[in-house]
Amino acid sequence: MSSFHKLPIYALALLSATSSSYAGPSAAPDNIVDVTSVDKFCLIVPRTAHTSIGDSEHPGGMQTYCSPHGHTDPKQGYLPADFWREGQVAFKSATGKNGKRYTQLTGCINSNKLDRLVPSDAGGQYDSSGGSKGQGNPQGSVCLGYNHYVELVEPRGPRACIRCCDDPADCPTNKGTHCGCPRVIDGNYFNCG
């Protein structure tokens, strides 16, 4: 075969190698989180109404719910506009322990405004790097634009927190939910509860 005829084969091989080395995570639209601002965000919550966080932690038991400005797909649910208590949510974008970026939301929630939550539930944790074999809870979930995330929803608190980060050291999944949001994600919690 002449060099001229081999060119398309080399080009095809190069294209194939390039497309298979995509570095960014991807997930179904109902298995993502996003933290862009206090008005544009998505969280993981129980898929079924009136379910505790712990009871939702099984395959298919969790779903993405977004703020009205964060919603991008019909597979995602809508968080009410007053999910966060008025004036009691803080957005932060900063550099973490090892110089990598992170973004977060922390604050007080109106747990009775979202029918997926049980207001008396102590809550629990969702994340991208914990769970079975470090594959996340829910498995395969991601934060848009980041490598990792950790989220706690504590309806009885009543508080929630989420941090998306590039360095797993900034999104600890090993502190346990008994410690709550303030221990896992430093931030302003406005003396919730």
N, C-alpha and C. Protein backbone atom coordinates (compact mmCIF):
# COMPACT_ATOMS: atom_id res chain seq x y z
N MET A 1 0.85 -1.17 0.00
CA MET A 1 0.00 0.00 0.00
C MET A 1 0.90 1.23 0.00
N SER A 2 0.57 2.22 -0.81
CA SER A 2 1.38 3.43 -0.90
C SER A 2 1.16 4.29 0.34
N SER A 3 2.10 5.20 0.60
CA SER A 3 2.00 6.12 1.73
C SER A 3 0.74 6.96 1.62
N PHE A 4 0.37 7.33 0.40
CA PHE A 4 -0.81 8.15 0.18
C PHE A 4 -2.07 7.42 0.64
N HIS A 5 -2.16 6.13 0.40
CA HIS A 5 -3.32 5.36 0.79
C HIS A 5 -3.35 5.07 2.29
N LYS A 6 -2.20 5.08 2.95
CA LYS A 6 -2.15 4.84 4.39
C LYS A 6 -2.60 6.06 5.18
N LEU A 7 -2.56 7.24 4.57
CA LEU A 7 -2.91 8.48 5.25
C LEU A 7 -4.31 8.44 5.87
N PRO A 8 -5.35 8.01 5.14
CA PRO A 8 -6.67 7.95 5.76
C PRO A 8 -6.73 7.00 6.96
N ILE A 9 -5.97 5.91 6.92
CA ILE A 9 -5.96 4.97 8.03
C ILE A 9 -5.32 5.62 9.25
N TYR A 10 -4.19 6.34 9.07
CA TYR A 10 -3.55 7.04 10.19
C TYR A 10 -4.46 8.12 10.74
N ALA A 11 -5.14 8.85 9.87
CA ALA A 11 -6.05 9.91 10.31
C ALA A 11 -7.19 9.31 11.13
N LEU A 12 -7.74 8.20 10.67
CA LEU A 12 -8.82 7.54 11.39
C LEU A 12 -8.34 7.04 12.75
N ALA A 13 -7.16 6.47 12.82
CA ALA A 13 -6.60 6.00 14.09
C ALA A 13 -6.37 7.15 15.05
N LEU A 14 -5.88 8.27 14.55
CA LEU A 14 -5.65 9.45 15.38
C LEU A 14 -6.97 10.00 15.91
N LEU A 15 -7.96 10.09 15.05
CA LEU A 15 -9.27 10.58 15.45
C LEU A 15 -9.87 9.67 16.52
N SER A 16 -9.76 8.38 16.34
CA SER A 16 -10.29 7.42 17.30
C SER A 16 -9.59 7.56 18.64
N ALA A 17 -8.28 7.70 18.65
CA ALA A 17 -7.52 7.85 19.89
C ALA A 17 -7.89 9.14 20.59
N THR A 18 -8.08 10.21 19.82
CA THR A 18 -8.42 11.50 20.41
C THR A 18 -9.79 11.45 21.05
N SER A 19 -10.77 10.89 20.37
CA SER A 19 -12.12 10.87 20.91
C SER A 19 -12.26 9.93 22.10
N SER A 20 -11.45 8.90 22.21
CA SER A 20 -11.56 7.99 23.33
C SER A 20 -10.78 8.45 24.55
N SER A 21 -10.05 9.53 24.45
CA SER A 21 -9.28 10.00 25.60
C SER A 21 -9.91 11.22 26.27
N TYR A 22 -11.22 11.39 26.11
CA TYR A 22 -11.94 12.47 26.75
C TYR A 22 -11.74 12.39 28.25
N ALA A 23 -11.33 13.50 28.86
CA ALA A 23 -10.95 13.48 30.26
C ALA A 23 -12.08 13.86 31.21
N GLY A 24 -13.12 14.52 30.73
CA GLY A 24 -14.16 15.01 31.62
C GLY A 24 -15.21 13.96 31.94
N PRO A 25 -15.75 14.01 33.18
CA PRO A 25 -16.79 13.07 33.53
C PRO A 25 -18.11 13.44 32.86
N SER A 26 -18.94 12.43 32.63
CA SER A 26 -20.27 12.70 32.11
C SER A 26 -21.24 11.81 32.85
N ALA A 27 -22.50 12.20 32.86
CA ALA A 27 -23.53 11.42 33.54
C ALA A 27 -24.87 11.78 32.94
N ALA A 28 -25.86 10.96 33.24
CA ALA A 28 -27.22 11.24 32.81
C ALA A 28 -27.68 12.56 33.43
N PRO A 29 -28.56 13.29 32.76
CA PRO A 29 -29.00 14.59 33.29
C PRO A 29 -29.69 14.50 34.66
N ASP A 30 -30.21 13.32 35.01
CA ASP A 30 -30.83 13.19 36.33
C ASP A 30 -29.87 12.61 37.37
N ASN A 31 -28.55 12.67 37.05
CA ASN A 31 -27.53 12.16 37.95
C ASN A 31 -26.34 13.13 38.03
N ILE A 32 -26.66 14.42 37.98
CA ILE A 32 -25.62 15.46 38.06
C ILE A 32 -25.97 16.46 39.16
N VAL A 33 -24.96 17.17 39.59
CA VAL A 33 -25.15 18.35 40.44
C VAL A 33 -24.43 19.51 39.76
N ASP A 34 -24.76 20.71 40.18
CA ASP A 34 -24.15 21.91 39.61
C ASP A 34 -24.21 23.01 40.66
N VAL A 35 -23.15 23.77 40.77
CA VAL A 35 -23.12 24.92 41.68
C VAL A 35 -22.54 26.08 40.90
N THR A 36 -23.41 26.94 40.41
CA THR A 36 -22.99 28.11 39.66
C THR A 36 -23.23 29.39 40.45
N SER A 37 -24.34 29.47 41.17
CA SER A 37 -24.68 30.64 41.99
C SER A 37 -25.81 30.25 42.93
N VAL A 38 -26.27 31.19 43.77
CA VAL A 38 -27.39 30.90 44.67
C VAL A 38 -28.69 30.71 43.90
N ASP A 39 -28.73 31.18 42.66
CA ASP A 39 -29.92 31.06 41.83
C ASP A 39 -29.83 29.96 40.78
N LYS A 40 -28.63 29.44 40.53
CA LYS A 40 -28.43 28.45 39.48
C LYS A 40 -27.64 27.28 40.04
N PHE A 41 -28.36 26.20 40.39
CA PHE A 41 -27.72 25.04 40.99
C PHE A 41 -28.61 23.82 40.85
N CYS A 42 -28.01 22.65 41.00
CA CYS A 42 -28.72 21.38 41.01
C CYS A 42 -28.19 20.53 42.15
N LEU A 43 -29.07 19.80 42.79
CA LEU A 43 -28.73 18.90 43.90
C LEU A 43 -29.28 17.51 43.61
N ILE A 44 -28.76 16.54 44.32
CA ILE A 44 -29.34 15.20 44.34
C ILE A 44 -30.28 15.13 45.53
N VAL A 45 -31.49 14.61 45.32
CA VAL A 45 -32.47 14.42 46.39
C VAL A 45 -33.16 13.08 46.15
N PRO A 46 -33.96 12.62 47.11
CA PRO A 46 -34.70 11.37 46.89
C PRO A 46 -35.63 11.48 45.67
N ARG A 47 -35.67 10.42 44.88
CA ARG A 47 -36.53 10.40 43.69
C ARG A 47 -38.01 10.34 44.06
N THR A 48 -38.32 9.63 45.14
CA THR A 48 -39.70 9.42 45.55
C THR A 48 -40.07 10.39 46.66
N ALA A 49 -41.29 10.89 46.61
CA ALA A 49 -41.78 11.83 47.61
C ALA A 49 -41.76 11.22 49.01
N HIS A 50 -41.52 12.09 50.00
CA HIS A 50 -41.58 11.73 51.42
C HIS A 50 -40.65 10.56 51.77
N THR A 51 -39.41 10.64 51.28
CA THR A 51 -38.42 9.60 51.50
C THR A 51 -37.23 10.19 52.26
N SER A 52 -36.76 9.48 53.26
CA SER A 52 -35.57 9.96 53.98
C SER A 52 -34.35 9.84 53.07
N ILE A 53 -33.33 10.61 53.37
CA ILE A 53 -32.10 10.56 52.57
C ILE A 53 -31.53 9.14 52.61
N GLY A 54 -31.44 8.54 53.79
CA GLY A 54 -30.90 7.19 53.91
C GLY A 54 -31.68 6.16 53.11
N ASP A 55 -33.00 6.27 53.12
CA ASP A 55 -33.82 5.31 52.38
C ASP A 55 -33.72 5.50 50.88
N SER A 56 -33.25 6.66 50.43
CA SER A 56 -33.12 6.91 48.99
C SER A 56 -31.83 6.34 48.41
N GLU A 57 -30.91 5.97 49.29
CA GLU A 57 -29.57 5.56 48.85
C GLU A 57 -29.53 4.13 48.34
N HIS A 58 -30.11 3.95 47.16
CA HIS A 58 -30.08 2.68 46.44
C HIS A 58 -30.20 3.00 44.96
N PRO A 59 -29.77 2.12 44.09
CA PRO A 59 -29.83 2.41 42.65
C PRO A 59 -31.25 2.82 42.23
N GLY A 60 -31.35 3.96 41.59
CA GLY A 60 -32.64 4.49 41.13
C GLY A 60 -33.40 5.28 42.17
N GLY A 61 -32.88 5.37 43.38
CA GLY A 61 -33.59 6.05 44.46
C GLY A 61 -33.32 7.54 44.56
N MET A 62 -32.42 8.05 43.75
CA MET A 62 -32.02 9.46 43.83
C MET A 62 -32.19 10.11 42.47
N GLN A 63 -32.37 11.43 42.47
CA GLN A 63 -32.59 12.16 41.22
C GLN A 63 -32.12 13.60 41.38
N THR A 64 -31.70 14.18 40.26
CA THR A 64 -31.31 15.58 40.23
C THR A 64 -32.54 16.47 40.28
N TYR A 65 -32.51 17.45 41.17
CA TYR A 65 -33.50 18.50 41.22
C TYR A 65 -32.74 19.83 41.14
N CYS A 66 -33.26 20.75 40.35
CA CYS A 66 -32.55 22.00 40.09
C CYS A 66 -33.39 23.22 40.42
N SER A 67 -32.69 24.31 40.68
CA SER A 67 -33.36 25.60 40.81
C SER A 67 -33.98 25.95 39.46
N PRO A 68 -34.96 26.85 39.43
CA PRO A 68 -35.56 27.21 38.15
C PRO A 68 -34.53 27.66 37.10
N HIS A 69 -33.47 28.36 37.52
CA HIS A 69 -32.44 28.82 36.58
C HIS A 69 -31.40 27.74 36.27
N GLY A 70 -31.34 26.68 37.07
CA GLY A 70 -30.36 25.63 36.85
C GLY A 70 -30.90 24.45 36.04
N HIS A 71 -32.21 24.37 35.92
CA HIS A 71 -32.88 23.25 35.24
C HIS A 71 -32.54 23.25 33.75
N THR A 72 -32.08 22.11 33.22
CA THR A 72 -31.68 22.03 31.81
C THR A 72 -32.27 20.84 31.06
N ASP A 73 -32.99 19.94 31.78
CA ASP A 73 -33.44 18.73 31.11
C ASP A 73 -34.74 18.24 31.75
N PRO A 74 -35.67 17.70 30.93
CA PRO A 74 -36.94 17.21 31.48
C PRO A 74 -36.79 16.06 32.48
N LYS A 75 -35.65 15.38 32.51
CA LYS A 75 -35.43 14.29 33.47
C LYS A 75 -35.10 14.83 34.86
N GLN A 76 -34.87 16.13 34.95
CA GLN A 76 -34.56 16.76 36.24
C GLN A 76 -35.83 17.31 36.87
N GLY A 77 -35.90 17.22 38.19
CA GLY A 77 -37.01 17.83 38.91
C GLY A 77 -36.71 19.30 39.19
N TYR A 78 -37.73 20.01 39.63
CA TYR A 78 -37.59 21.43 39.97
C TYR A 78 -37.59 21.61 41.48
N LEU A 79 -36.56 22.29 41.98
CA LEU A 79 -36.56 22.73 43.38
C LEU A 79 -37.42 23.99 43.44
N PRO A 80 -38.17 24.18 44.52
CA PRO A 80 -38.94 25.41 44.63
C PRO A 80 -38.01 26.62 44.74
N ALA A 81 -38.46 27.75 44.27
CA ALA A 81 -37.64 28.97 44.31
C ALA A 81 -37.24 29.33 45.74
N ASP A 82 -38.04 28.92 46.72
CA ASP A 82 -37.74 29.21 48.13
C ASP A 82 -37.20 27.98 48.87
N PHE A 83 -36.46 27.13 48.15
CA PHE A 83 -35.83 25.97 48.79
C PHE A 83 -34.89 26.43 49.90
N TRP A 84 -34.07 27.43 49.62
CA TRP A 84 -33.22 28.03 50.65
C TRP A 84 -34.04 29.08 51.39
N ARG A 85 -33.87 29.19 52.69
CA ARG A 85 -34.54 30.27 53.44
C ARG A 85 -34.04 31.61 52.92
N GLU A 86 -34.94 32.55 52.84
CA GLU A 86 -34.59 33.86 52.28
C GLU A 86 -33.41 34.48 53.02
N GLY A 87 -32.37 34.82 52.24
CA GLY A 87 -31.18 35.46 52.79
C GLY A 87 -30.29 34.53 53.60
N GLN A 88 -30.56 33.22 53.59
CA GLN A 88 -29.79 32.30 54.42
C GLN A 88 -29.10 31.22 53.59
N VAL A 89 -28.51 31.65 52.47
CA VAL A 89 -27.71 30.76 51.64
C VAL A 89 -26.46 31.53 51.22
N ALA A 90 -25.33 30.87 51.25
CA ALA A 90 -24.06 31.52 50.90
C ALA A 90 -23.40 30.75 49.75
N PHE A 91 -22.95 31.48 48.76
CA PHE A 91 -22.19 30.93 47.64
C PHE A 91 -20.73 31.32 47.84
N LYS A 92 -19.84 30.37 47.56
CA LYS A 92 -18.41 30.65 47.68
C LYS A 92 -17.68 29.92 46.58
N SER A 93 -16.74 30.60 45.96
CA SER A 93 -15.84 30.01 44.98
C SER A 93 -14.44 30.37 45.42
N ALA A 94 -13.59 29.38 45.61
CA ALA A 94 -12.28 29.65 46.20
C ALA A 94 -11.26 28.60 45.75
N THR A 95 -10.06 28.72 46.33
CA THR A 95 -8.98 27.78 46.10
C THR A 95 -8.84 26.92 47.35
N GLY A 96 -8.70 25.62 47.17
CA GLY A 96 -8.67 24.69 48.29
C GLY A 96 -7.30 24.42 48.85
N LYS A 97 -7.21 23.34 49.61
CA LYS A 97 -6.01 22.96 50.37
C LYS A 97 -4.76 22.84 49.51
N ASN A 98 -4.89 22.30 48.31
CA ASN A 98 -3.73 22.08 47.45
C ASN A 98 -3.72 23.00 46.23
N GLY A 99 -4.40 24.13 46.35
CA GLY A 99 -4.38 25.13 45.28
C GLY A 99 -5.36 24.90 44.15
N LYS A 100 -6.25 23.91 44.29
CA LYS A 100 -7.24 23.64 43.24
C LYS A 100 -8.56 24.34 43.59
N ARG A 101 -9.35 24.60 42.58
CA ARG A 101 -10.57 25.38 42.76
C ARG A 101 -11.72 24.54 43.31
N TYR A 102 -12.64 25.21 43.98
CA TYR A 102 -13.90 24.61 44.40
C TYR A 102 -14.97 25.69 44.45
N THR A 103 -16.21 25.24 44.45
CA THR A 103 -17.35 26.14 44.57
C THR A 103 -18.38 25.46 45.48
N GLN A 104 -19.13 26.25 46.23
CA GLN A 104 -20.04 25.63 47.21
C GLN A 104 -21.24 26.51 47.51
N LEU A 105 -22.26 25.86 48.03
CA LEU A 105 -23.43 26.51 48.61
C LEU A 105 -23.62 25.94 50.00
N THR A 106 -23.90 26.79 50.98
CA THR A 106 -24.19 26.37 52.34
C THR A 106 -25.33 27.21 52.87
N GLY A 107 -26.16 26.64 53.72
CA GLY A 107 -27.20 27.45 54.32
C GLY A 107 -28.38 26.67 54.86
N CYS A 108 -29.44 27.43 55.15
CA CYS A 108 -30.65 26.90 55.75
C CYS A 108 -31.70 26.65 54.67
N ILE A 109 -32.40 25.54 54.80
CA ILE A 109 -33.41 25.18 53.81
C ILE A 109 -34.81 25.18 54.42
N ASN A 110 -35.79 25.32 53.56
CA ASN A 110 -37.20 25.14 53.92
C ASN A 110 -37.55 23.70 53.55
N SER A 111 -37.26 22.76 54.45
CA SER A 111 -37.41 21.34 54.12
C SER A 111 -38.86 20.94 53.86
N ASN A 112 -39.81 21.73 54.32
CA ASN A 112 -41.21 21.41 54.07
C ASN A 112 -41.70 21.90 52.70
N LYS A 113 -40.84 22.58 51.94
CA LYS A 113 -41.21 23.10 50.62
C LYS A 113 -40.96 22.10 49.49
N LEU A 114 -40.18 21.05 49.76
CA LEU A 114 -39.87 20.04 48.74
C LEU A 114 -40.44 18.71 49.20
N ASP A 115 -41.42 18.18 48.45
CA ASP A 115 -42.11 16.97 48.88
C ASP A 115 -41.22 15.72 48.88
N ARG A 116 -40.02 15.79 48.32
CA ARG A 116 -39.10 14.65 48.32
C ARG A 116 -38.51 14.42 49.70
N LEU A 117 -38.51 15.44 50.54
CA LEU A 117 -37.86 15.38 51.85
C LEU A 117 -38.85 15.06 52.96
N VAL A 118 -38.33 14.50 54.03
CA VAL A 118 -39.08 14.27 55.27
C VAL A 118 -38.51 15.28 56.27
N PRO A 119 -39.27 16.31 56.65
CA PRO A 119 -38.72 17.37 57.52
C PRO A 119 -38.09 16.87 58.82
N SER A 120 -38.51 15.73 59.34
CA SER A 120 -37.94 15.21 60.60
C SER A 120 -36.69 14.34 60.38
N ASP A 121 -36.29 14.14 59.13
CA ASP A 121 -35.13 13.30 58.79
C ASP A 121 -33.83 14.01 59.16
N ALA A 122 -32.92 13.29 59.83
CA ALA A 122 -31.61 13.86 60.18
C ALA A 122 -30.75 14.07 58.94
N GLY A 123 -31.05 13.35 57.86
CA GLY A 123 -30.36 13.57 56.59
C GLY A 123 -29.28 12.57 56.28
N GLY A 124 -28.48 12.95 55.28
CA GLY A 124 -27.42 12.07 54.83
C GLY A 124 -26.61 12.72 53.73
N GLN A 125 -25.74 11.94 53.14
CA GLN A 125 -24.74 12.46 52.20
C GLN A 125 -24.85 11.79 50.83
N TYR A 126 -24.68 12.61 49.80
CA TYR A 126 -24.51 12.14 48.42
C TYR A 126 -23.14 12.63 47.96
N ASP A 127 -22.50 11.89 47.07
CA ASP A 127 -21.18 12.31 46.62
C ASP A 127 -20.78 11.57 45.36
N SER A 128 -19.72 12.06 44.73
CA SER A 128 -19.25 11.46 43.48
C SER A 128 -18.14 10.44 43.68
N SER A 129 -17.53 10.41 44.85
CA SER A 129 -16.33 9.58 45.01
C SER A 129 -16.40 8.61 46.17
N GLY A 130 -17.51 8.56 46.87
CA GLY A 130 -17.67 7.61 47.97
C GLY A 130 -18.48 6.43 47.48
N GLY A 131 -19.31 5.91 48.36
CA GLY A 131 -20.17 4.80 47.98
C GLY A 131 -19.39 3.53 47.67
N SER A 132 -20.05 2.58 47.07
CA SER A 132 -19.46 1.29 46.74
C SER A 132 -18.30 1.44 45.77
N LYS A 133 -17.13 1.00 46.20
CA LYS A 133 -15.91 1.04 45.38
C LYS A 133 -15.54 2.44 44.91
N GLY A 134 -15.95 3.47 45.67
CA GLY A 134 -15.60 4.84 45.31
C GLY A 134 -16.23 5.34 44.04
N GLN A 135 -17.37 4.73 43.64
CA GLN A 135 -18.03 5.11 42.40
C GLN A 135 -19.15 6.11 42.58
N GLY A 136 -19.29 6.62 43.79
CA GLY A 136 -20.29 7.64 44.05
C GLY A 136 -21.59 7.12 44.62
N ASN A 137 -22.32 8.04 45.19
CA ASN A 137 -23.63 7.77 45.76
C ASN A 137 -24.51 8.98 45.48
N PRO A 138 -25.25 8.96 44.38
CA PRO A 138 -25.53 7.84 43.49
C PRO A 138 -24.34 7.50 42.58
N GLN A 139 -24.27 6.23 42.23
CA GLN A 139 -23.17 5.75 41.41
C GLN A 139 -23.11 6.50 40.08
N GLY A 140 -21.90 6.95 39.73
CA GLY A 140 -21.69 7.63 38.46
C GLY A 140 -22.10 9.08 38.43
N SER A 141 -22.54 9.63 39.56
CA SER A 141 -22.95 11.04 39.57
C SER A 141 -21.74 11.96 39.49
N VAL A 142 -21.94 13.14 38.92
CA VAL A 142 -20.86 14.11 38.74
C VAL A 142 -21.35 15.51 39.02
N CYS A 143 -20.41 16.40 39.27
CA CYS A 143 -20.69 17.84 39.32
C CYS A 143 -20.19 18.43 38.01
N LEU A 144 -21.04 19.18 37.35
CA LEU A 144 -20.67 19.78 36.07
C LEU A 144 -19.46 20.69 36.22
N GLY A 145 -18.43 20.42 35.44
CA GLY A 145 -17.24 21.26 35.42
C GLY A 145 -16.20 20.95 36.48
N TYR A 146 -16.46 19.95 37.32
CA TYR A 146 -15.53 19.60 38.40
C TYR A 146 -15.32 18.09 38.43
N ASN A 147 -14.29 17.66 39.16
CA ASN A 147 -13.96 16.25 39.24
C ASN A 147 -14.68 15.51 40.36
N HIS A 148 -15.10 16.23 41.40
CA HIS A 148 -15.69 15.60 42.58
C HIS A 148 -16.75 16.51 43.17
N TYR A 149 -17.60 15.92 44.01
CA TYR A 149 -18.51 16.73 44.82
C TYR A 149 -18.89 15.96 46.07
N VAL A 150 -19.32 16.70 47.08
CA VAL A 150 -19.92 16.14 48.28
C VAL A 150 -21.11 17.02 48.63
N GLU A 151 -22.23 16.40 48.99
CA GLU A 151 -23.47 17.11 49.30
C GLU A 151 -24.11 16.47 50.52
N LEU A 152 -24.55 17.27 51.45
CA LEU A 152 -25.34 16.79 52.58
C LEU A 152 -26.65 17.54 52.59
N VAL A 153 -27.73 16.79 52.80
CA VAL A 153 -29.06 17.38 52.97
C VAL A 153 -29.54 16.93 54.34
N GLU A 154 -29.84 17.89 55.20
CA GLU A 154 -30.24 17.63 56.58
C GLU A 154 -31.58 18.32 56.85
N PRO A 155 -32.69 17.71 56.44
CA PRO A 155 -33.99 18.37 56.58
C PRO A 155 -34.31 18.82 58.00
N ARG A 156 -33.95 18.01 59.00
CA ARG A 156 -34.23 18.38 60.39
C ARG A 156 -33.34 19.53 60.85
N GLY A 157 -32.20 19.75 60.18
CA GLY A 157 -31.21 20.76 60.55
C GLY A 157 -31.72 22.17 60.76
N PRO A 158 -32.52 22.73 59.94
CA PRO A 158 -32.78 22.39 58.54
C PRO A 158 -31.73 23.05 57.65
N ARG A 159 -30.81 22.28 57.14
CA ARG A 159 -29.72 22.86 56.36
C ARG A 159 -29.29 21.90 55.25
N ALA A 160 -28.51 22.47 54.32
CA ALA A 160 -27.93 21.69 53.24
C ALA A 160 -26.61 22.34 52.86
N CYS A 161 -25.76 21.54 52.23
CA CYS A 161 -24.47 22.05 51.77
C CYS A 161 -24.02 21.19 50.60
N ILE A 162 -23.33 21.83 49.69
CA ILE A 162 -22.76 21.12 48.56
C ILE A 162 -21.48 21.81 48.17
N ARG A 163 -20.48 21.01 47.85
CA ARG A 163 -19.21 21.56 47.35
C ARG A 163 -18.78 20.72 46.15
N CYS A 164 -18.45 21.41 45.06
CA CYS A 164 -17.86 20.79 43.88
C CYS A 164 -16.40 21.19 43.87
N CYS A 165 -15.51 20.25 43.56
CA CYS A 165 -14.09 20.54 43.66
C CYS A 165 -13.29 19.74 42.64
N ASP A 166 -12.09 20.22 42.38
CA ASP A 166 -11.17 19.51 41.49
C ASP A 166 -10.28 18.54 42.27
N ASP A 167 -10.04 18.82 43.54
CA ASP A 167 -9.18 18.00 44.39
C ASP A 167 -10.05 17.25 45.40
N PRO A 168 -9.99 15.92 45.47
CA PRO A 168 -10.83 15.20 46.42
C PRO A 168 -10.59 15.60 47.87
N ALA A 169 -9.43 16.15 48.18
CA ALA A 169 -9.16 16.61 49.54
C ALA A 169 -10.10 17.73 49.97
N ASP A 170 -10.65 18.45 49.00
CA ASP A 170 -11.58 19.54 49.30
C ASP A 170 -13.02 19.07 49.38
N CYS A 171 -13.28 17.82 49.03
CA CYS A 171 -14.62 17.24 49.07
C CYS A 171 -14.58 15.94 49.87
N PRO A 172 -14.34 16.02 51.18
CA PRO A 172 -14.17 14.80 51.97
C PRO A 172 -15.46 13.97 52.04
N THR A 173 -15.32 12.68 51.80
CA THR A 173 -16.47 11.77 51.89
C THR A 173 -16.33 10.82 53.07
N ASN A 174 -15.29 11.01 53.87
CA ASN A 174 -14.99 10.06 54.95
C ASN A 174 -15.29 10.59 56.35
N LYS A 175 -15.97 11.71 56.46
CA LYS A 175 -16.21 12.28 57.79
C LYS A 175 -17.50 11.77 58.42
N GLY A 176 -18.35 11.14 57.65
CA GLY A 176 -19.59 10.59 58.19
C GLY A 176 -20.66 11.65 58.32
N THR A 177 -21.88 11.25 58.09
CA THR A 177 -22.99 12.21 58.12
C THR A 177 -23.35 12.64 59.53
N HIS A 178 -22.93 11.88 60.55
CA HIS A 178 -23.24 12.28 61.92
C HIS A 178 -22.56 13.60 62.29
N CYS A 179 -21.55 13.97 61.54
CA CYS A 179 -20.84 15.23 61.80
C CYS A 179 -21.59 16.42 61.22
N GLY A 180 -22.36 16.21 60.19
CA GLY A 180 -23.16 17.26 59.60
C GLY A 180 -22.40 18.21 58.70
N CYS A 181 -23.17 19.08 58.07
CA CYS A 181 -22.61 20.03 57.10
C CYS A 181 -21.40 20.82 57.62
N PRO A 182 -21.50 21.46 58.80
CA PRO A 182 -20.38 22.32 59.22
C PRO A 182 -19.05 21.57 59.35
N ARG A 183 -19.10 20.30 59.66
CA ARG A 183 -17.85 19.52 59.80
C ARG A 183 -17.29 19.09 58.44
N VAL A 184 -18.18 18.85 57.48
CA VAL A 184 -17.75 18.38 56.17
C VAL A 184 -17.38 19.55 55.25
N ILE A 185 -18.18 20.61 55.27
CA ILE A 185 -17.96 21.77 54.41
C ILE A 185 -17.99 23.04 55.26
N ASP A 186 -16.83 23.67 55.45
CA ASP A 186 -16.80 24.95 56.15
C ASP A 186 -17.65 25.95 55.40
N GLY A 187 -18.42 26.73 56.12
CA GLY A 187 -19.23 27.74 55.44
C GLY A 187 -20.17 28.42 56.40
N ASN A 188 -21.00 29.30 55.87
CA ASN A 188 -21.95 30.05 56.67
C ASN A 188 -23.26 29.26 56.73
N TYR A 189 -23.69 28.93 57.94
CA TYR A 189 -24.93 28.18 58.12
C TYR A 189 -25.98 29.01 58.85
N PHE A 190 -25.74 30.27 59.07
CA PHE A 190 -26.74 31.22 59.56
C PHE A 190 -27.47 30.72 60.81
N ASN A 191 -26.82 29.92 61.63
CA ASN A 191 -27.45 29.35 62.83
C ASN A 191 -28.75 28.66 62.52
N CYS A 192 -28.76 27.83 61.49
CA CYS A 192 -29.97 27.08 61.13
C CYS A 192 -30.49 26.31 62.33
N GLY A 193 -31.80 26.20 62.41
CA GLY A 193 -32.44 25.38 63.45
C GLY A 193 -32.32 26.00 64.78
